[in-house]
Amino acid sequence: MIRRHPLRVGLFLLVSALLAWSWQNRVHLAAFPPIIGAYTAKEYCSCRYVMGNSASYCQGYAKQYVPTSDFRDDEVHKRVTARGLGSTQSAAWLGAREGCRLLPEADRQP
């Protein structure tokens, strides 16, 4: 069997090892999606409202390799919402002394 189909056996072993590794690290892999939206929202909020940079500069500053599927900047309320990998996170500017903070209720928003 191995002599006839060495590529199939090798591919099967590789996929099996990947599945075993994924199962052992499932908690860490499940924690990853919220990080994308949270990082984008918090960094953009800090860049825009704490540092006072332009919107175009801050979009480039907070850009990541993993793209966000939705991004909203509410300039009136100084609130930023970003969605990446199915998880929505928001950050809001609280004031000059507090800066920006992630908001826990962001996933309940549409």
PDB file of N, CA and C in Angstrom:
ATOM      1  N   MET A   1       0.823  -1.190   0.000  1.00  0.00           N
ATOM      2  CA  MET A   1       0.000   0.000   0.000  1.00  0.00           C
ATOM      3  C   MET A   1       0.870   1.259   0.000  1.00  0.00           C
ATOM      4  N   ILE A   2       1.869   1.309   0.868  1.00  0.00           N
ATOM      5  CA  ILE A   2       2.721   2.493   0.933  1.00  0.00           C
ATOM      6  C   ILE A   2       3.568   2.603  -0.329  1.00  0.00           C
ATOM      7  N   ARG A   3       4.012   1.471  -0.856  1.00  0.00           N
ATOM      8  CA  ARG A   3       4.835   1.509  -2.070  1.00  0.00           C
ATOM      9  C   ARG A   3       4.032   1.977  -3.276  1.00  0.00           C
ATOM     10  N   ARG A   4       2.752   1.640  -3.327  1.00  0.00           N
ATOM     11  CA  ARG A   4       1.932   2.013  -4.472  1.00  0.00           C
ATOM     12  C   ARG A   4       1.500   3.480  -4.423  1.00  0.00           C
ATOM     13  N   HIS A   5       1.193   3.972  -3.242  1.00  0.00           N
ATOM     14  CA  HIS A   5       0.647   5.325  -3.099  1.00  0.00           C
ATOM     15  C   HIS A   5       1.373   6.108  -1.997  1.00  0.00           C
ATOM     16  N   PRO A   6       2.636   6.399  -2.182  1.00  0.00           N
ATOM     17  CA  PRO A   6       3.360   7.106  -1.113  1.00  0.00           C
ATOM     18  C   PRO A   6       2.857   8.535  -0.901  1.00  0.00           C
ATOM     19  N   LEU A   7       2.383   9.193  -1.948  1.00  0.00           N
ATOM     20  CA  LEU A   7       1.875  10.558  -1.788  1.00  0.00           C
ATOM     21  C   LEU A   7       0.566  10.582  -1.006  1.00  0.00           C
ATOM     22  N   ARG A   8      -0.297   9.621  -1.266  1.00  0.00           N
ATOM     23  CA  ARG A   8      -1.562   9.550  -0.531  1.00  0.00           C
ATOM     24  C   ARG A   8      -1.321   9.267   0.945  1.00  0.00           C
ATOM     25  N   VAL A   9      -0.420   8.359   1.225  1.00  0.00           N
ATOM     26  CA  VAL A   9      -0.121   8.028   2.622  1.00  0.00           C
ATOM     27  C   VAL A   9       0.511   9.231   3.317  1.00  0.00           C
ATOM     28  N   GLY A  10       1.424   9.899   2.637  1.00  0.00           N
ATOM     29  CA  GLY A  10       2.055  11.088   3.213  1.00  0.00           C
ATOM     30  C   GLY A  10       1.048  12.199   3.460  1.00  0.00           C
ATOM     31  N   LEU A  11       0.148  12.409   2.507  1.00  0.00           N
ATOM     32  CA  LEU A  11      -0.890  13.420   2.667  1.00  0.00           C
ATOM     33  C   LEU A  11      -1.836  13.055   3.809  1.00  0.00           C
ATOM     34  N   PHE A  12      -2.192  11.796   3.909  1.00  0.00           N
ATOM     35  CA  PHE A  12      -3.053  11.336   4.994  1.00  0.00           C
ATOM     36  C   PHE A  12      -2.390  11.569   6.346  1.00  0.00           C
ATOM     37  N   LEU A  13      -1.116  11.250   6.457  1.00  0.00           N
ATOM     38  CA  LEU A  13      -0.404  11.466   7.720  1.00  0.00           C
ATOM     39  C   LEU A  13      -0.301  12.952   8.060  1.00  0.00           C
ATOM     40  N   LEU A  14      -0.078  13.779   7.062  1.00  0.00           N
ATOM     41  CA  LEU A  14       0.007  15.222   7.282  1.00  0.00           C
ATOM     42  C   LEU A  14      -1.330  15.794   7.755  1.00  0.00           C
ATOM     43  N   VAL A  15      -2.410  15.393   7.105  1.00  0.00           N
ATOM     44  CA  VAL A  15      -3.739  15.864   7.504  1.00  0.00           C
ATOM     45  C   VAL A  15      -4.086  15.358   8.898  1.00  0.00           C
ATOM     46  N   SER A  16      -3.742  14.116   9.202  1.00  0.00           N
ATOM     47  CA  SER A  16      -4.000  13.567  10.535  1.00  0.00           C
ATOM     48  C   SER A  16      -3.233  14.336  11.608  1.00  0.00           C
ATOM     49  N   ALA A  17      -1.983  14.654  11.338  1.00  0.00           N
ATOM     50  CA  ALA A  17      -1.185  15.422  12.297  1.00  0.00           C
ATOM     51  C   ALA A  17      -1.755  16.826  12.481  1.00  0.00           C
ATOM     52  N   LEU A  18      -2.204  17.448  11.401  1.00  0.00           N
ATOM     53  CA  LEU A  18      -2.795  18.783  11.486  1.00  0.00           C
ATOM     54  C   LEU A  18      -4.087  18.763  12.297  1.00  0.00           C
ATOM     55  N   LEU A  19      -4.916  17.757  12.088  1.00  0.00           N
ATOM     56  CA  LEU A  19      -6.147  17.634  12.868  1.00  0.00           C
ATOM     57  C   LEU A  19      -5.857  17.395  14.345  1.00  0.00           C
ATOM     58  N   ALA A  20      -4.879  16.562  14.645  1.00  0.00           N
ATOM     59  CA  ALA A  20      -4.512  16.313  16.042  1.00  0.00           C
ATOM     60  C   ALA A  20      -3.990  17.586  16.697  1.00  0.00           C
ATOM     61  N   TRP A  21      -3.158  18.336  15.980  1.00  0.00           N
ATOM     62  CA  TRP A  21      -2.628  19.595  16.519  1.00  0.00           C
ATOM     63  C   TRP A  21      -3.755  20.601  16.741  1.00  0.00           C
ATOM     64  N   SER A  22      -4.694  20.687  15.787  1.00  0.00           N
ATOM     65  CA  SER A  22      -5.816  21.620  15.912  1.00  0.00           C
ATOM     66  C   SER A  22      -6.688  21.276  17.111  1.00  0.00           C
ATOM     67  N   TRP A  23      -6.919  19.987  17.327  1.00  0.00           N
ATOM     68  CA  TRP A  23      -7.749  19.582  18.459  1.00  0.00           C
ATOM     69  C   TRP A  23      -7.068  19.932  19.782  1.00  0.00           C
ATOM     70  N   GLN A  24      -5.776  19.737  19.876  1.00  0.00           N
ATOM     71  CA  GLN A  24      -5.064  20.055  21.108  1.00  0.00           C
ATOM     72  C   GLN A  24      -5.035  21.557  21.378  1.00  0.00           C
ATOM     73  N   ASN A  25      -5.069  22.369  20.338  1.00  0.00           N
ATOM     74  CA  ASN A  25      -4.997  23.825  20.484  1.00  0.00           C
ATOM     75  C   ASN A  25      -6.325  24.513  20.191  1.00  0.00           C
ATOM     76  N   ARG A  26      -7.435  23.801  20.331  1.00  0.00           N
ATOM     77  CA  ARG A  26      -8.735  24.354  19.973  1.00  0.00           C
ATOM     78  C   ARG A  26      -9.112  25.576  20.806  1.00  0.00           C
ATOM     79  N   VAL A  27      -8.705  25.633  22.064  1.00  0.00           N
ATOM     80  CA  VAL A  27      -9.019  26.794  22.907  1.00  0.00           C
ATOM     81  C   VAL A  27      -8.293  28.030  22.392  1.00  0.00           C
ATOM     82  N   HIS A  28      -7.038  27.880  22.036  1.00  0.00           N
ATOM     83  CA  HIS A  28      -6.257  29.007  21.521  1.00  0.00           C
ATOM     84  C   HIS A  28      -6.769  29.453  20.153  1.00  0.00           C
ATOM     85  N   LEU A  29      -7.133  28.500  19.311  1.00  0.00           N
ATOM     86  CA  LEU A  29      -7.652  28.843  17.988  1.00  0.00           C
ATOM     87  C   LEU A  29      -9.007  29.542  18.080  1.00  0.00           C
ATOM     88  N   ALA A  30      -9.830  29.157  19.060  1.00  0.00           N
ATOM     89  CA  ALA A  30     -11.137  29.796  19.237  1.00  0.00           C
ATOM     90  C   ALA A  30     -11.001  31.219  19.773  1.00  0.00           C
ATOM     91  N   ALA A  31      -9.927  31.505  20.477  1.00  0.00           N
ATOM     92  CA  ALA A  31      -9.722  32.847  21.035  1.00  0.00           C
ATOM     93  C   ALA A  31      -9.187  33.829  20.001  1.00  0.00           C
ATOM     94  N   PHE A  32      -8.748  33.362  18.858  1.00  0.00           N
ATOM     95  CA  PHE A  32      -8.112  34.232  17.868  1.00  0.00           C
ATOM     96  C   PHE A  32      -9.058  35.198  17.147  1.00  0.00           C
ATOM     97  N   PRO A  33     -10.258  34.797  16.675  1.00  0.00           N
ATOM     98  CA  PRO A  33     -11.091  35.718  15.892  1.00  0.00           C
ATOM     99  C   PRO A  33     -11.404  37.059  16.558  1.00  0.00           C
ATOM    100  N   PRO A  34     -11.720  37.127  17.855  1.00  0.00           N
ATOM    101  CA  PRO A  34     -12.001  38.443  18.447  1.00  0.00           C
ATOM    102  C   PRO A  34     -10.793  39.381  18.471  1.00  0.00           C
ATOM    103  N   ILE A  35      -9.604  38.843  18.389  1.00  0.00           N
ATOM    104  CA  ILE A  35      -8.406  39.678  18.448  1.00  0.00           C
ATOM    105  C   ILE A  35      -8.328  40.602  17.232  1.00  0.00           C
ATOM    106  N   ILE A  36      -8.762  40.142  16.069  1.00  0.00           N
ATOM    107  CA  ILE A  36      -8.654  40.930  14.838  1.00  0.00           C
ATOM    108  C   ILE A  36      -9.467  42.219  14.940  1.00  0.00           C
ATOM    109  N   GLY A  37     -10.746  42.095  15.267  1.00  0.00           N
ATOM    110  CA  GLY A  37     -11.590  43.277  15.387  1.00  0.00           C
ATOM    111  C   GLY A  37     -11.189  44.166  16.549  1.00  0.00           C
ATOM    112  N   ALA A  38     -10.797  43.551  17.665  1.00  0.00           N
ATOM    113  CA  ALA A  38     -10.419  44.332  18.845  1.00  0.00           C
ATOM    114  C   ALA A  38      -9.160  45.151  18.588  1.00  0.00           C
ATOM    115  N   TYR A  39      -8.175  44.548  17.964  1.00  0.00           N
ATOM    116  CA  TYR A  39      -6.934  45.273  17.673  1.00  0.00           C
ATOM    117  C   TYR A  39      -7.209  46.441  16.732  1.00  0.00           C
ATOM    118  N   THR A  40      -7.969  46.186  15.678  1.00  0.00           N
ATOM    119  CA  THR A  40      -8.249  47.234  14.704  1.00  0.00           C
ATOM    120  C   THR A  40      -9.027  48.381  15.340  1.00  0.00           C
ATOM    121  N   ALA A  41     -10.073  48.060  16.099  1.00  0.00           N
ATOM    122  CA  ALA A  41     -10.891  49.103  16.724  1.00  0.00           C
ATOM    123  C   ALA A  41     -10.084  49.918  17.732  1.00  0.00           C
ATOM    124  N   LYS A  42      -9.332  49.245  18.577  1.00  0.00           N
ATOM    125  CA  LYS A  42      -8.579  49.947  19.626  1.00  0.00           C
ATOM    126  C   LYS A  42      -7.445  50.778  19.050  1.00  0.00           C
ATOM    127  N   GLU A  43      -6.691  50.237  18.126  1.00  0.00           N
ATOM    128  CA  GLU A  43      -5.574  50.989  17.556  1.00  0.00           C
ATOM    129  C   GLU A  43      -6.060  52.173  16.728  1.00  0.00           C
ATOM    130  N   TYR A  44      -7.129  51.979  15.962  1.00  0.00           N
ATOM    131  CA  TYR A  44      -7.666  53.092  15.176  1.00  0.00           C
ATOM    132  C   TYR A  44      -8.204  54.182  16.103  1.00  0.00           C
ATOM    133  N   CYS A  45      -8.935  53.782  17.132  1.00  0.00           N
ATOM    134  CA  CYS A  45      -9.487  54.750  18.078  1.00  0.00           C
ATOM    135  C   CYS A  45      -8.372  55.551  18.742  1.00  0.00           C
ATOM    136  N   SER A  46      -7.334  54.883  19.184  1.00  0.00           N
ATOM    137  CA  SER A  46      -6.215  55.575  19.830  1.00  0.00           C
ATOM    138  C   SER A  46      -5.502  56.499  18.856  1.00  0.00           C
ATOM    139  N   CYS A  47      -5.298  56.043  17.649  1.00  0.00           N
ATOM    140  CA  CYS A  47      -4.619  56.858  16.639  1.00  0.00           C
ATOM    141  C   CYS A  47      -5.445  58.089  16.287  1.00  0.00           C
ATOM    142  N   ARG A  48      -6.738  57.885  16.108  1.00  0.00           N
ATOM    143  CA  ARG A  48      -7.615  58.964  15.631  1.00  0.00           C
ATOM    144  C   ARG A  48      -7.984  59.954  16.724  1.00  0.00           C
ATOM    145  N   TYR A  49      -8.409  59.462  17.877  1.00  0.00           N
ATOM    146  CA  TYR A  49      -8.977  60.350  18.889  1.00  0.00           C
ATOM    147  C   TYR A  49      -8.014  60.704  20.016  1.00  0.00           C
ATOM    148  N   VAL A  50      -7.056  59.867  20.305  1.00  0.00           N
ATOM    149  CA  VAL A  50      -6.073  60.206  21.339  1.00  0.00           C
ATOM    150  C   VAL A  50      -4.934  61.008  20.724  1.00  0.00           C
ATOM    151  N   MET A  51      -4.400  60.511  19.605  1.00  0.00           N
ATOM    152  CA  MET A  51      -3.267  61.184  18.970  1.00  0.00           C
ATOM    153  C   MET A  51      -3.696  62.295  18.008  1.00  0.00           C
ATOM    154  N   GLY A  52      -4.955  62.284  17.560  1.00  0.00           N
ATOM    155  CA  GLY A  52      -5.469  63.337  16.695  1.00  0.00           C
ATOM    156  C   GLY A  52      -5.007  63.264  15.251  1.00  0.00           C
ATOM    157  N   ASN A  53      -4.677  62.082  14.763  1.00  0.00           N
ATOM    158  CA  ASN A  53      -4.244  61.918  13.369  1.00  0.00           C
ATOM    159  C   ASN A  53      -5.446  61.856  12.431  1.00  0.00           C
ATOM    160  N   SER A  54      -5.177  61.967  11.140  1.00  0.00           N
ATOM    161  CA  SER A  54      -6.248  61.930  10.140  1.00  0.00           C
ATOM    162  C   SER A  54      -6.802  60.508   9.998  1.00  0.00           C
ATOM    163  N   ALA A  55      -8.020  60.426   9.458  1.00  0.00           N
ATOM    164  CA  ALA A  55      -8.672  59.124   9.284  1.00  0.00           C
ATOM    165  C   ALA A  55      -7.899  58.238   8.320  1.00  0.00           C
ATOM    166  N   SER A  56      -7.395  58.803   7.232  1.00  0.00           N
ATOM    167  CA  SER A  56      -6.664  57.987   6.253  1.00  0.00           C
ATOM    168  C   SER A  56      -5.359  57.452   6.839  1.00  0.00           C
ATOM    169  N   TYR A  57      -4.673  58.264   7.626  1.00  0.00           N
ATOM    170  CA  TYR A  57      -3.436  57.798   8.257  1.00  0.00           C
ATOM    171  C   TYR A  57      -3.732  56.667   9.236  1.00  0.00           C
ATOM    172  N   CYS A  58      -4.771  56.825  10.036  1.00  0.00           N
ATOM    173  CA  CYS A  58      -5.088  55.815  11.051  1.00  0.00           C
ATOM    174  C   CYS A  58      -5.583  54.509  10.435  1.00  0.00           C
ATOM    175  N   GLN A  59      -6.236  54.575   9.277  1.00  0.00           N
ATOM    176  CA  GLN A  59      -6.638  53.339   8.601  1.00  0.00           C
ATOM    177  C   GLN A  59      -5.415  52.549   8.172  1.00  0.00           C
ATOM    178  N   GLY A  60      -4.412  53.230   7.682  1.00  0.00           N
ATOM    179  CA  GLY A  60      -3.164  52.554   7.329  1.00  0.00           C
ATOM    180  C   GLY A  60      -2.411  52.069   8.548  1.00  0.00           C
ATOM    181  N   TYR A  61      -2.488  52.822   9.636  1.00  0.00           N
ATOM    182  CA  TYR A  61      -1.798  52.463  10.875  1.00  0.00           C
ATOM    183  C   TYR A  61      -2.382  51.195  11.494  1.00  0.00           C
ATOM    184  N   ALA A  62      -3.703  51.060  11.457  1.00  0.00           N
ATOM    185  CA  ALA A  62      -4.364  49.921  12.097  1.00  0.00           C
ATOM    186  C   ALA A  62      -4.573  48.740  11.150  1.00  0.00           C
ATOM    187  N   LYS A  63      -4.156  48.857   9.901  1.00  0.00           N
ATOM    188  CA  LYS A  63      -4.355  47.786   8.916  1.00  0.00           C
ATOM    189  C   LYS A  63      -3.543  46.548   9.298  1.00  0.00           C
ATOM    190  N   GLN A  64      -4.141  45.373   9.050  1.00  0.00           N
ATOM    191  CA  GLN A  64      -3.503  44.104   9.380  1.00  0.00           C
ATOM    192  C   GLN A  64      -3.456  43.211   8.144  1.00  0.00           C
ATOM    193  N   TYR A  65      -2.741  42.102   8.279  1.00  0.00           N
ATOM    194  CA  TYR A  65      -2.690  41.126   7.189  1.00  0.00           C
ATOM    195  C   TYR A  65      -4.023  40.413   7.031  1.00  0.00           C
ATOM    196  N   VAL A  66      -4.705  40.158   8.142  1.00  0.00           N
ATOM    197  CA  VAL A  66      -6.029  39.550   8.090  1.00  0.00           C
ATOM    198  C   VAL A  66      -7.030  40.690   7.909  1.00  0.00           C
ATOM    199  N   PRO A  67      -7.778  40.716   6.803  1.00  0.00           N
ATOM    200  CA  PRO A  67      -8.653  41.859   6.538  1.00  0.00           C
ATOM    201  C   PRO A  67      -9.884  41.883   7.447  1.00  0.00           C
ATOM    202  N   THR A  68     -10.397  43.073   7.677  1.00  0.00           N
ATOM    203  CA  THR A  68     -11.650  43.229   8.409  1.00  0.00           C
ATOM    204  C   THR A  68     -12.786  43.296   7.392  1.00  0.00           C
ATOM    205  N   SER A  69     -13.931  42.720   7.746  1.00  0.00           N
ATOM    206  CA  SER A  69     -15.058  42.688   6.817  1.00  0.00           C
ATOM    207  C   SER A  69     -15.959  43.911   6.961  1.00  0.00           C
ATOM    208  N   ASP A  70     -15.887  44.605   8.090  1.00  0.00           N
ATOM    209  CA  ASP A  70     -16.698  45.799   8.300  1.00  0.00           C
ATOM    210  C   ASP A  70     -15.932  46.743   9.214  1.00  0.00           C
ATOM    211  N   PHE A  71     -16.056  48.032   8.944  1.00  0.00           N
ATOM    212  CA  PHE A  71     -15.365  49.031   9.755  1.00  0.00           C
ATOM    213  C   PHE A  71     -16.224  50.285   9.786  1.00  0.00           C
ATOM    214  N   ARG A  72     -16.532  50.754  10.987  1.00  0.00           N
ATOM    215  CA  ARG A  72     -17.332  51.965  11.146  1.00  0.00           C
ATOM    216  C   ARG A  72     -16.657  52.905  12.132  1.00  0.00           C
ATOM    217  N   ASP A  73     -16.617  54.175  11.769  1.00  0.00           N
ATOM    218  CA  ASP A  73     -16.047  55.215  12.622  1.00  0.00           C
ATOM    219  C   ASP A  73     -17.133  56.252  12.873  1.00  0.00           C
ATOM    220  N   ASP A  74     -17.666  56.263  14.081  1.00  0.00           N
ATOM    221  CA  ASP A  74     -18.693  57.227  14.470  1.00  0.00           C
ATOM    222  C   ASP A  74     -17.986  58.439  15.067  1.00  0.00           C
ATOM    223  N   GLU A  75     -17.784  59.461  14.236  1.00  0.00           N
ATOM    224  CA  GLU A  75     -17.029  60.633  14.672  1.00  0.00           C
ATOM    225  C   GLU A  75     -17.774  61.451  15.721  1.00  0.00           C
ATOM    226  N   VAL A  76     -19.102  61.423  15.702  1.00  0.00           N
ATOM    227  CA  VAL A  76     -19.885  62.194  16.667  1.00  0.00           C
ATOM    228  C   VAL A  76     -19.697  61.646  18.079  1.00  0.00           C
ATOM    229  N   HIS A  77     -19.804  60.318  18.228  1.00  0.00           N
ATOM    230  CA  HIS A  77     -19.664  59.688  19.542  1.00  0.00           C
ATOM    231  C   HIS A  77     -18.247  59.191  19.817  1.00  0.00           C
ATOM    232  N   LYS A  78     -17.361  59.371  18.848  1.00  0.00           N
ATOM    233  CA  LYS A  78     -15.969  58.919  18.940  1.00  0.00           C
ATOM    234  C   LYS A  78     -15.907  57.435  19.313  1.00  0.00           C
ATOM    235  N   ARG A  79     -16.566  56.657  18.472  1.00  0.00           N
ATOM    236  CA  ARG A  79     -16.661  55.214  18.678  1.00  0.00           C
ATOM    237  C   ARG A  79     -16.283  54.510  17.380  1.00  0.00           C
ATOM    238  N   VAL A  80     -15.477  53.470  17.486  1.00  0.00           N
ATOM    239  CA  VAL A  80     -15.002  52.727  16.323  1.00  0.00           C
ATOM    240  C   VAL A  80     -15.444  51.274  16.466  1.00  0.00           C
ATOM    241  N   THR A  81     -16.006  50.714  15.401  1.00  0.00           N
ATOM    242  CA  THR A  81     -16.435  49.321  15.398  1.00  0.00           C
ATOM    243  C   THR A  81     -15.771  48.617  14.225  1.00  0.00           C
ATOM    244  N   ALA A  82     -15.169  47.477  14.491  1.00  0.00           N
ATOM    245  CA  ALA A  82     -14.499  46.693  13.451  1.00  0.00           C
ATOM    246  C   ALA A  82     -14.953  45.243  13.552  1.00  0.00           C
ATOM    247  N   ARG A  83     -15.144  44.613  12.384  1.00  0.00           N
ATOM    248  CA  ARG A  83     -15.549  43.208  12.328  1.00  0.00           C
ATOM    249  C   ARG A  83     -14.517  42.440  11.529  1.00  0.00           C
ATOM    250  N   GLY A  84     -14.011  41.375  12.136  1.00  0.00           N
ATOM    251  CA  GLY A  84     -13.047  40.525  11.473  1.00  0.00           C
ATOM    252  C   GLY A  84     -13.206  39.087  11.907  1.00  0.00           C
ATOM    253  N   LEU A  85     -13.187  38.167  10.966  1.00  0.00           N
ATOM    254  CA  LEU A  85     -13.350  36.728  11.212  1.00  0.00           C
ATOM    255  C   LEU A  85     -14.628  36.424  11.985  1.00  0.00           C
ATOM    256  N   GLY A  86     -15.701  37.178  11.691  1.00  0.00           N
ATOM    257  CA  GLY A  86     -17.004  36.912  12.296  1.00  0.00           C
ATOM    258  C   GLY A  86     -17.218  37.497  13.671  1.00  0.00           C
ATOM    259  N   SER A  87     -16.284  38.231  14.203  1.00  0.00           N
ATOM    260  CA  SER A  87     -16.410  38.810  15.536  1.00  0.00           C
ATOM    261  C   SER A  87     -16.350  40.331  15.443  1.00  0.00           C
ATOM    262  N   THR A  88     -17.325  40.999  16.051  1.00  0.00           N
ATOM    263  CA  THR A  88     -17.393  42.456  16.028  1.00  0.00           C
ATOM    264  C   THR A  88     -16.944  43.012  17.369  1.00  0.00           C
ATOM    265  N   GLN A  89     -16.043  43.978  17.322  1.00  0.00           N
ATOM    266  CA  GLN A  89     -15.523  44.616  18.532  1.00  0.00           C
ATOM    267  C   GLN A  89     -15.592  46.125  18.366  1.00  0.00           C
ATOM    268  N   SER A  90     -15.842  46.827  19.467  1.00  0.00           N
ATOM    269  CA  SER A  90     -15.912  48.287  19.440  1.00  0.00           C
ATOM    270  C   SER A  90     -14.989  48.882  20.480  1.00  0.00           C
ATOM    271  N   ALA A  91     -14.519  50.078  20.169  1.00  0.00           N
ATOM    272  CA  ALA A  91     -13.718  50.860  21.107  1.00  0.00           C
ATOM    273  C   ALA A  91     -14.262  52.276  21.094  1.00  0.00           C
ATOM    274  N   ALA A  92     -14.261  52.917  22.250  1.00  0.00           N
ATOM    275  CA  ALA A  92     -14.775  54.278  22.350  1.00  0.00           C
ATOM    276  C   ALA A  92     -13.778  55.147  23.095  1.00  0.00           C
ATOM    277  N   TRP A  93     -13.739  56.402  22.691  1.00  0.00           N
ATOM    278  CA  TRP A  93     -12.893  57.381  23.359  1.00  0.00           C
ATOM    279  C   TRP A  93     -13.635  57.857  24.592  1.00  0.00           C
ATOM    280  N   LEU A  94     -13.009  57.747  25.761  1.00  0.00           N
ATOM    281  CA  LEU A  94     -13.663  58.102  27.017  1.00  0.00           C
ATOM    282  C   LEU A  94     -13.321  59.505  27.492  1.00  0.00           C
ATOM    283  N   GLY A  95     -12.198  60.016  27.081  1.00  0.00           N
ATOM    284  CA  GLY A  95     -11.795  61.350  27.503  1.00  0.00           C
ATOM    285  C   GLY A  95     -10.295  61.509  27.396  1.00  0.00           C
ATOM    286  N   ALA A  96      -9.839  62.717  27.674  1.00  0.00           N
ATOM    287  CA  ALA A  96      -8.410  63.013  27.535  1.00  0.00           C
ATOM    288  C   ALA A  96      -7.557  62.213  28.517  1.00  0.00           C
ATOM    289  N   ARG A  97      -8.056  61.951  29.700  1.00  0.00           N
ATOM    290  CA  ARG A  97      -7.272  61.217  30.697  1.00  0.00           C
ATOM    291  C   ARG A  97      -7.411  59.703  30.570  1.00  0.00           C
ATOM    292  N   GLU A  98      -8.527  59.241  30.014  1.00  0.00           N
ATOM    293  CA  GLU A  98      -8.775  57.800  29.910  1.00  0.00           C
ATOM    294  C   GLU A  98      -8.366  57.214  28.566  1.00  0.00           C
ATOM    295  N   GLY A  99      -8.448  57.981  27.504  1.00  0.00           N
ATOM    296  CA  GLY A  99      -8.118  57.472  26.178  1.00  0.00           C
ATOM    297  C   GLY A  99      -9.228  56.600  25.622  1.00  0.00           C
ATOM    298  N   CYS A 100      -8.867  55.582  24.866  1.00  0.00           N
ATOM    299  CA  CYS A 100      -9.836  54.666  24.254  1.00  0.00           C
ATOM    300  C   CYS A 100      -9.882  53.355  25.029  1.00  0.00           C
ATOM    301  N   ARG A 101     -11.062  52.752  25.033  1.00  0.00           N
ATOM    302  CA  ARG A 101     -11.235  51.478  25.725  1.00  0.00           C
ATOM    303  C   ARG A 101     -12.130  50.575  24.889  1.00  0.00           C
ATOM    304  N   LEU A 102     -11.821  49.286  24.891  1.00  0.00           N
ATOM    305  CA  LEU A 102     -12.681  48.314  24.213  1.00  0.00           C
ATOM    306  C   LEU A 102     -13.992  48.187  24.971  1.00  0.00           C
ATOM    307  N   LEU A 103     -15.079  48.046  24.234  1.00  0.00           N
ATOM    308  CA  LEU A 103     -16.399  47.917  24.840  1.00  0.00           C
ATOM    309  C   LEU A 103     -16.831  46.458  24.811  1.00  0.00           C
ATOM    310  N   PRO A 104     -17.310  45.926  25.925  1.00  0.00           N
ATOM    311  CA  PRO A 104     -17.640  44.497  25.978  1.00  0.00           C
ATOM    312  C   PRO A 104     -18.899  44.109  25.218  1.00  0.00           C
ATOM    313  N   GLU A 105     -19.818  45.028  24.943  1.00  0.00           N
ATOM    314  CA  GLU A 105     -21.090  44.673  24.323  1.00  0.00           C
ATOM    315  C   GLU A 105     -21.082  44.720  22.807  1.00  0.00           C
ATOM    316  N   ALA A 106     -19.945  44.798  22.182  1.00  0.00           N
ATOM    317  CA  ALA A 106     -19.872  44.995  20.733  1.00  0.00           C
ATOM    318  C   ALA A 106     -20.445  43.824  19.940  1.00  0.00           C
ATOM    319  N   ASP A 107     -20.333  42.600  20.400  1.00  0.00           N
ATOM    320  CA  ASP A 107     -20.814  41.452  19.627  1.00  0.00           C
ATOM    321  C   ASP A 107     -22.329  41.421  19.496  1.00  0.00           C
ATOM    322  N   ARG A 108     -23.050  42.143  20.334  1.00  0.00           N
ATOM    323  CA  ARG A 108     -24.501  42.152  20.247  1.00  0.00           C
ATOM    324  C   ARG A 108     -25.025  43.152  19.230  1.00  0.00           C
ATOM    325  N   GLN A 109     -24.156  43.960  18.668  1.00  0.00           N
ATOM    326  CA  GLN A 109     -24.584  44.944  17.686  1.00  0.00           C
ATOM    327  C   GLN A 109     -24.769  44.278  16.331  1.00  0.00           C
ATOM    328  N   PRO A 110     -25.627  44.852  15.472  1.00  0.00           N
ATOM    329  CA  PRO A 110     -25.834  44.253  14.141  1.00  0.00           C
ATOM    330  C   PRO A 110     -24.629  44.393  13.257  1.00  0.00           C
TER     331      PRO A 110
END
